[in-house]
Amino acid sequence: MKPLKHLFYIFIVYFSISFWACNREGARNVVLPSAVYITYADAKGNNNYILSDIKWDNYSPNKYVLNIDLQNLPIKLNYNKLENAYLMKKVNGTTFSKIKLDAKNFDIEFKSDQLTVFYNNNDNNIDEQLAAFDVISFEVSP
C-alpha cells in the first residue's frame, strides 16, 4: 500500500510541475525601448536630450510604466505640449526609421516636471513590432 501512496505523490508533483512549466512558457517577455529621445518640435538638431538605459516598471502582467523626471533636463518646457511621439530604430550610422506611437497601447501623461508613459500589452502581436525599436522619441513644444 505504501508504494502506491508514494507513486501517487510522485504523479501529483510531476503534473504540478508540468502544468507550471506549460503556463510559464506561455508568458512572454516584452522588449520595450531602452532609450528616450526628447527634442523640441522645431529644433532641427539643436536642443536634444537623450536618456539611455531606461527602466520600465512592470506593475501587472501586461502593464508597464516609464517615469521620466524632467526637472534636471537642460530642455526647459513651458507649455507642456507634446507634439508627437514615435518609436525609432537605428537603420545605419545616423539614420533612424520611425513610426508614430500607437495610442491604443500607449498612454502618455505630460506635465512640466514629469513625463509618464504607460504601455498596456493588450494585443500580443505588438510584442514583435516593439522588439525592433530601440528608442522612444518625444517632440515637445518649448
C-alpha atoms as a PDB file:
ATOM      1  CA  MET A   1       0.000   0.000   0.000  1.00  0.00           C
ATOM      2  CA  LYS A   2       2.861   2.377   0.817  1.00  0.00           C
ATOM      3  CA  PRO A   3       4.437   2.114  -2.669  1.00  0.00           C
ATOM      4  CA  LEU A   4       1.121   3.163  -4.245  1.00  0.00           C
ATOM      5  CA  LYS A   5       0.904   6.112  -1.889  1.00  0.00           C
ATOM      6  CA  HIS A   6       4.415   7.259  -2.854  1.00  0.00           C
ATOM      7  CA  LEU A   7       3.668   6.730  -6.532  1.00  0.00           C
ATOM      8  CA  PHE A   8       0.523   8.846  -6.166  1.00  0.00           C
ATOM      9  CA  TYR A   9       2.567  11.706  -4.640  1.00  0.00           C
ATOM     10  CA  ILE A  10       5.139  11.458  -7.418  1.00  0.00           C
ATOM     11  CA  PHE A  11       2.389  11.789 -10.058  1.00  0.00           C
ATOM     12  CA  ILE A  12       0.914  14.810  -8.289  1.00  0.00           C
ATOM     13  CA  VAL A  13       4.297  16.538  -8.145  1.00  0.00           C
ATOM     14  CA  TYR A  14       5.068  15.634 -11.776  1.00  0.00           C
ATOM     15  CA  PHE A  15       1.762  17.008 -13.102  1.00  0.00           C
ATOM     16  CA  SER A  16       2.054  20.125 -10.954  1.00  0.00           C
ATOM     17  CA  ILE A  17       5.497  20.885 -12.340  1.00  0.00           C
ATOM     18  CA  SER A  18       4.350  20.117 -15.898  1.00  0.00           C
ATOM     19  CA  PHE A  19       1.335  22.409 -15.559  1.00  0.00           C
ATOM     20  CA  TRP A  20       3.500  25.218 -14.132  1.00  0.00           C
ATOM     21  CA  ALA A  21       6.072  24.808 -16.926  1.00  0.00           C
ATOM     22  CA  CYS A  22       3.400  24.969 -19.641  1.00  0.00           C
ATOM     23  CA  ASN A  23       1.914  28.130 -18.188  1.00  0.00           C
ATOM     24  CA  ARG A  24       5.360  29.640 -17.728  1.00  0.00           C
ATOM     25  CA  GLU A  25       6.197  29.001 -21.381  1.00  0.00           C
ATOM     26  CA  GLY A  26       3.088  30.944 -22.411  1.00  0.00           C
ATOM     27  CA  ALA A  27       4.271  34.056 -20.543  1.00  0.00           C
ATOM     28  CA  ARG A  28       6.238  36.327 -22.872  1.00  0.00           C
ATOM     29  CA  ASN A  29       8.761  38.962 -22.032  1.00  0.00           C
ATOM     30  CA  VAL A  30       8.018  42.273 -23.676  1.00  0.00           C
ATOM     31  CA  VAL A  31      11.057  44.116 -25.032  1.00  0.00           C
ATOM     32  CA  LEU A  32      10.460  47.847 -24.667  1.00  0.00           C
ATOM     33  CA  PRO A  33      12.689  50.668 -25.953  1.00  0.00           C
ATOM     34  CA  SER A  34      15.745  51.249 -23.762  1.00  0.00           C
ATOM     35  CA  ALA A  35      16.369  54.903 -24.643  1.00  0.00           C
ATOM     36  CA  VAL A  36      14.345  58.117 -24.652  1.00  0.00           C
ATOM     37  CA  TYR A  37      14.961  60.964 -27.091  1.00  0.00           C
ATOM     38  CA  ILE A  38      13.395  64.330 -26.182  1.00  0.00           C
ATOM     39  CA  THR A  39      13.582  67.252 -28.588  1.00  0.00           C
ATOM     40  CA  TYR A  40      11.818  70.464 -29.461  1.00  0.00           C
ATOM     41  CA  ALA A  41       9.429  70.059 -32.380  1.00  0.00           C
ATOM     42  CA  ASP A  42      11.213  72.841 -34.314  1.00  0.00           C
ATOM     43  CA  ALA A  43      14.755  72.115 -33.069  1.00  0.00           C
ATOM     44  CA  LYS A  44      16.281  70.808 -36.320  1.00  0.00           C
ATOM     45  CA  GLY A  45      19.131  69.074 -34.483  1.00  0.00           C
ATOM     46  CA  ASN A  46      19.533  71.514 -31.593  1.00  0.00           C
ATOM     47  CA  ASN A  47      18.292  71.227 -28.008  1.00  0.00           C
ATOM     48  CA  ASN A  48      18.017  67.448 -27.990  1.00  0.00           C
ATOM     49  CA  TYR A  49      18.309  65.271 -24.928  1.00  0.00           C
ATOM     50  CA  ILE A  50      18.870  61.516 -24.814  1.00  0.00           C
ATOM     51  CA  LEU A  51      18.295  59.238 -21.824  1.00  0.00           C
ATOM     52  CA  SER A  52      19.762  55.765 -22.198  1.00  0.00           C
ATOM     53  CA  ASP A  53      19.368  52.550 -20.203  1.00  0.00           C
ATOM     54  CA  ILE A  54      15.901  53.494 -19.022  1.00  0.00           C
ATOM     55  CA  LYS A  55      13.938  51.058 -16.902  1.00  0.00           C
ATOM     56  CA  TRP A  56      10.276  50.248 -17.415  1.00  0.00           C
ATOM     57  CA  ASP A  57       8.418  49.161 -14.277  1.00  0.00           C
ATOM     58  CA  ASN A  58       6.150  46.153 -14.644  1.00  0.00           C
ATOM     59  CA  TYR A  59       3.231  46.703 -12.298  1.00  0.00           C
ATOM     60  CA  SER A  60       1.000  43.874 -13.569  1.00  0.00           C
ATOM     61  CA  PRO A  61       1.348  41.041 -16.113  1.00  0.00           C
ATOM     62  CA  ASN A  62       0.566  43.180 -19.184  1.00  0.00           C
ATOM     63  CA  LYS A  63       1.148  46.729 -17.974  1.00  0.00           C
ATOM     64  CA  TYR A  64       4.397  48.687 -17.896  1.00  0.00           C
ATOM     65  CA  VAL A  65       5.145  52.253 -16.846  1.00  0.00           C
ATOM     66  CA  LEU A  66       8.077  54.590 -17.510  1.00  0.00           C
ATOM     67  CA  ASN A  67       8.535  57.717 -15.376  1.00  0.00           C
ATOM     68  CA  ILE A  68      10.906  60.402 -16.641  1.00  0.00           C
ATOM     69  CA  ASP A  69      11.829  63.246 -14.309  1.00  0.00           C
ATOM     70  CA  LEU A  70      12.101  66.411 -16.407  1.00  0.00           C
ATOM     71  CA  GLN A  71      13.311  68.787 -13.674  1.00  0.00           C
ATOM     72  CA  ASN A  72      17.028  68.229 -14.282  1.00  0.00           C
ATOM     73  CA  LEU A  73      16.936  68.220 -18.073  1.00  0.00           C
ATOM     74  CA  PRO A  74      18.626  71.093 -19.895  1.00  0.00           C
ATOM     75  CA  ILE A  75      15.473  71.432 -22.019  1.00  0.00           C
ATOM     76  CA  LYS A  76      13.021  73.854 -20.446  1.00  0.00           C
ATOM     77  CA  LEU A  77       9.390  73.040 -21.112  1.00  0.00           C
ATOM     78  CA  ASN A  78       6.987  75.925 -20.603  1.00  0.00           C
ATOM     79  CA  TYR A  79       3.826  74.991 -22.466  1.00  0.00           C
ATOM     80  CA  ASN A  80       3.619  71.272 -21.614  1.00  0.00           C
ATOM     81  CA  LYS A  81       2.535  70.367 -25.107  1.00  0.00           C
ATOM     82  CA  LEU A  82       3.534  67.048 -26.588  1.00  0.00           C
ATOM     83  CA  GLU A  83       3.609  67.423 -30.375  1.00  0.00           C
ATOM     84  CA  ASN A  84       4.431  63.851 -31.424  1.00  0.00           C
ATOM     85  CA  ALA A  85       5.672  60.568 -30.010  1.00  0.00           C
ATOM     86  CA  TYR A  86       7.499  57.946 -32.078  1.00  0.00           C
ATOM     87  CA  LEU A  87       9.153  54.573 -31.830  1.00  0.00           C
ATOM     88  CA  MET A  88      12.536  54.678 -33.571  1.00  0.00           C
ATOM     89  CA  LYS A  89      15.196  52.188 -34.596  1.00  0.00           C
ATOM     90  CA  LYS A  90      18.652  52.814 -35.958  1.00  0.00           C
ATOM     91  CA  VAL A  91      18.948  51.749 -39.586  1.00  0.00           C
ATOM     92  CA  ASN A  92      22.617  52.651 -40.043  1.00  0.00           C
ATOM     93  CA  GLY A  93      25.137  55.109 -38.560  1.00  0.00           C
ATOM     94  CA  THR A  94      22.992  58.204 -38.054  1.00  0.00           C
ATOM     95  CA  THR A  95      19.771  57.239 -39.838  1.00  0.00           C
ATOM     96  CA  PHE A  96      16.651  56.255 -37.928  1.00  0.00           C
ATOM     97  CA  SER A  97      13.349  54.890 -39.110  1.00  0.00           C
ATOM     98  CA  LYS A  98      10.329  55.810 -37.035  1.00  0.00           C
ATOM     99  CA  ILE A  99       6.655  55.060 -36.630  1.00  0.00           C
ATOM    100  CA  LYS A 100       4.093  57.071 -34.743  1.00  0.00           C
ATOM    101  CA  LEU A 101       3.382  55.772 -31.251  1.00  0.00           C
ATOM    102  CA  ASP A 102       0.221  53.667 -31.163  1.00  0.00           C
ATOM    103  CA  ALA A 103      -2.369  55.355 -28.940  1.00  0.00           C
ATOM    104  CA  LYS A 104      -4.162  52.042 -28.481  1.00  0.00           C
ATOM    105  CA  ASN A 105      -1.300  50.553 -26.445  1.00  0.00           C
ATOM    106  CA  PHE A 106       0.466  53.664 -25.117  1.00  0.00           C
ATOM    107  CA  ASP A 107      -0.891  56.363 -22.812  1.00  0.00           C
ATOM    108  CA  ILE A 108       1.215  59.445 -22.108  1.00  0.00           C
ATOM    109  CA  GLU A 109       0.876  61.947 -19.270  1.00  0.00           C
ATOM    110  CA  PHE A 110       2.956  65.077 -19.778  1.00  0.00           C
ATOM    111  CA  LYS A 111       3.498  67.651 -17.034  1.00  0.00           C
ATOM    112  CA  SER A 112       6.140  70.343 -16.620  1.00  0.00           C
ATOM    113  CA  ASP A 113       8.274  68.183 -14.316  1.00  0.00           C
ATOM    114  CA  GLN A 114       7.241  64.625 -15.228  1.00  0.00           C
ATOM    115  CA  LEU A 115       6.675  62.547 -18.349  1.00  0.00           C
ATOM    116  CA  THR A 116       4.904  59.243 -17.710  1.00  0.00           C
ATOM    117  CA  VAL A 117       4.418  56.586 -20.367  1.00  0.00           C
ATOM    118  CA  PHE A 118       2.047  53.664 -19.827  1.00  0.00           C
ATOM    119  CA  TYR A 119       2.241  50.591 -22.047  1.00  0.00           C
ATOM    120  CA  ASN A 120      -0.711  48.187 -21.996  1.00  0.00           C
ATOM    121  CA  ASN A 121       0.061  44.902 -23.720  1.00  0.00           C
ATOM    122  CA  ASN A 122      -3.498  44.126 -24.784  1.00  0.00           C
ATOM    123  CA  ASP A 123      -2.510  42.943 -28.252  1.00  0.00           C
ATOM    124  CA  ASN A 124       0.116  40.186 -28.235  1.00  0.00           C
ATOM    125  CA  ASN A 125       1.082  40.926 -31.860  1.00  0.00           C
ATOM    126  CA  ILE A 126       2.603  44.258 -30.832  1.00  0.00           C
ATOM    127  CA  ASP A 127       5.438  42.463 -28.975  1.00  0.00           C
ATOM    128  CA  GLU A 128       7.280  41.538 -32.174  1.00  0.00           C
ATOM    129  CA  GLN A 129       6.937  45.082 -33.504  1.00  0.00           C
ATOM    130  CA  LEU A 130       8.214  46.627 -30.270  1.00  0.00           C
ATOM    131  CA  ALA A 131      11.259  44.369 -30.145  1.00  0.00           C
ATOM    132  CA  ALA A 132      12.571  46.006 -33.330  1.00  0.00           C
ATOM    133  CA  PHE A 133      12.632  49.530 -31.834  1.00  0.00           C
ATOM    134  CA  ASP A 134      15.413  50.931 -29.634  1.00  0.00           C
ATOM    135  CA  VAL A 135      14.225  54.450 -28.867  1.00  0.00           C
ATOM    136  CA  ILE A 136      11.011  56.149 -27.839  1.00  0.00           C
ATOM    137  CA  SER A 137      11.073  59.737 -29.101  1.00  0.00           C
ATOM    138  CA  PHE A 138       9.079  62.754 -27.919  1.00  0.00           C
ATOM    139  CA  GLU A 139       8.738  66.056 -29.767  1.00  0.00           C
ATOM    140  CA  VAL A 140       7.655  68.803 -27.384  1.00  0.00           C
ATOM    141  CA  SER A 141       6.840  72.494 -27.693  1.00  0.00           C
ATOM    142  CA  PRO A 142       9.344  74.680 -25.846  1.00  0.00           C
END
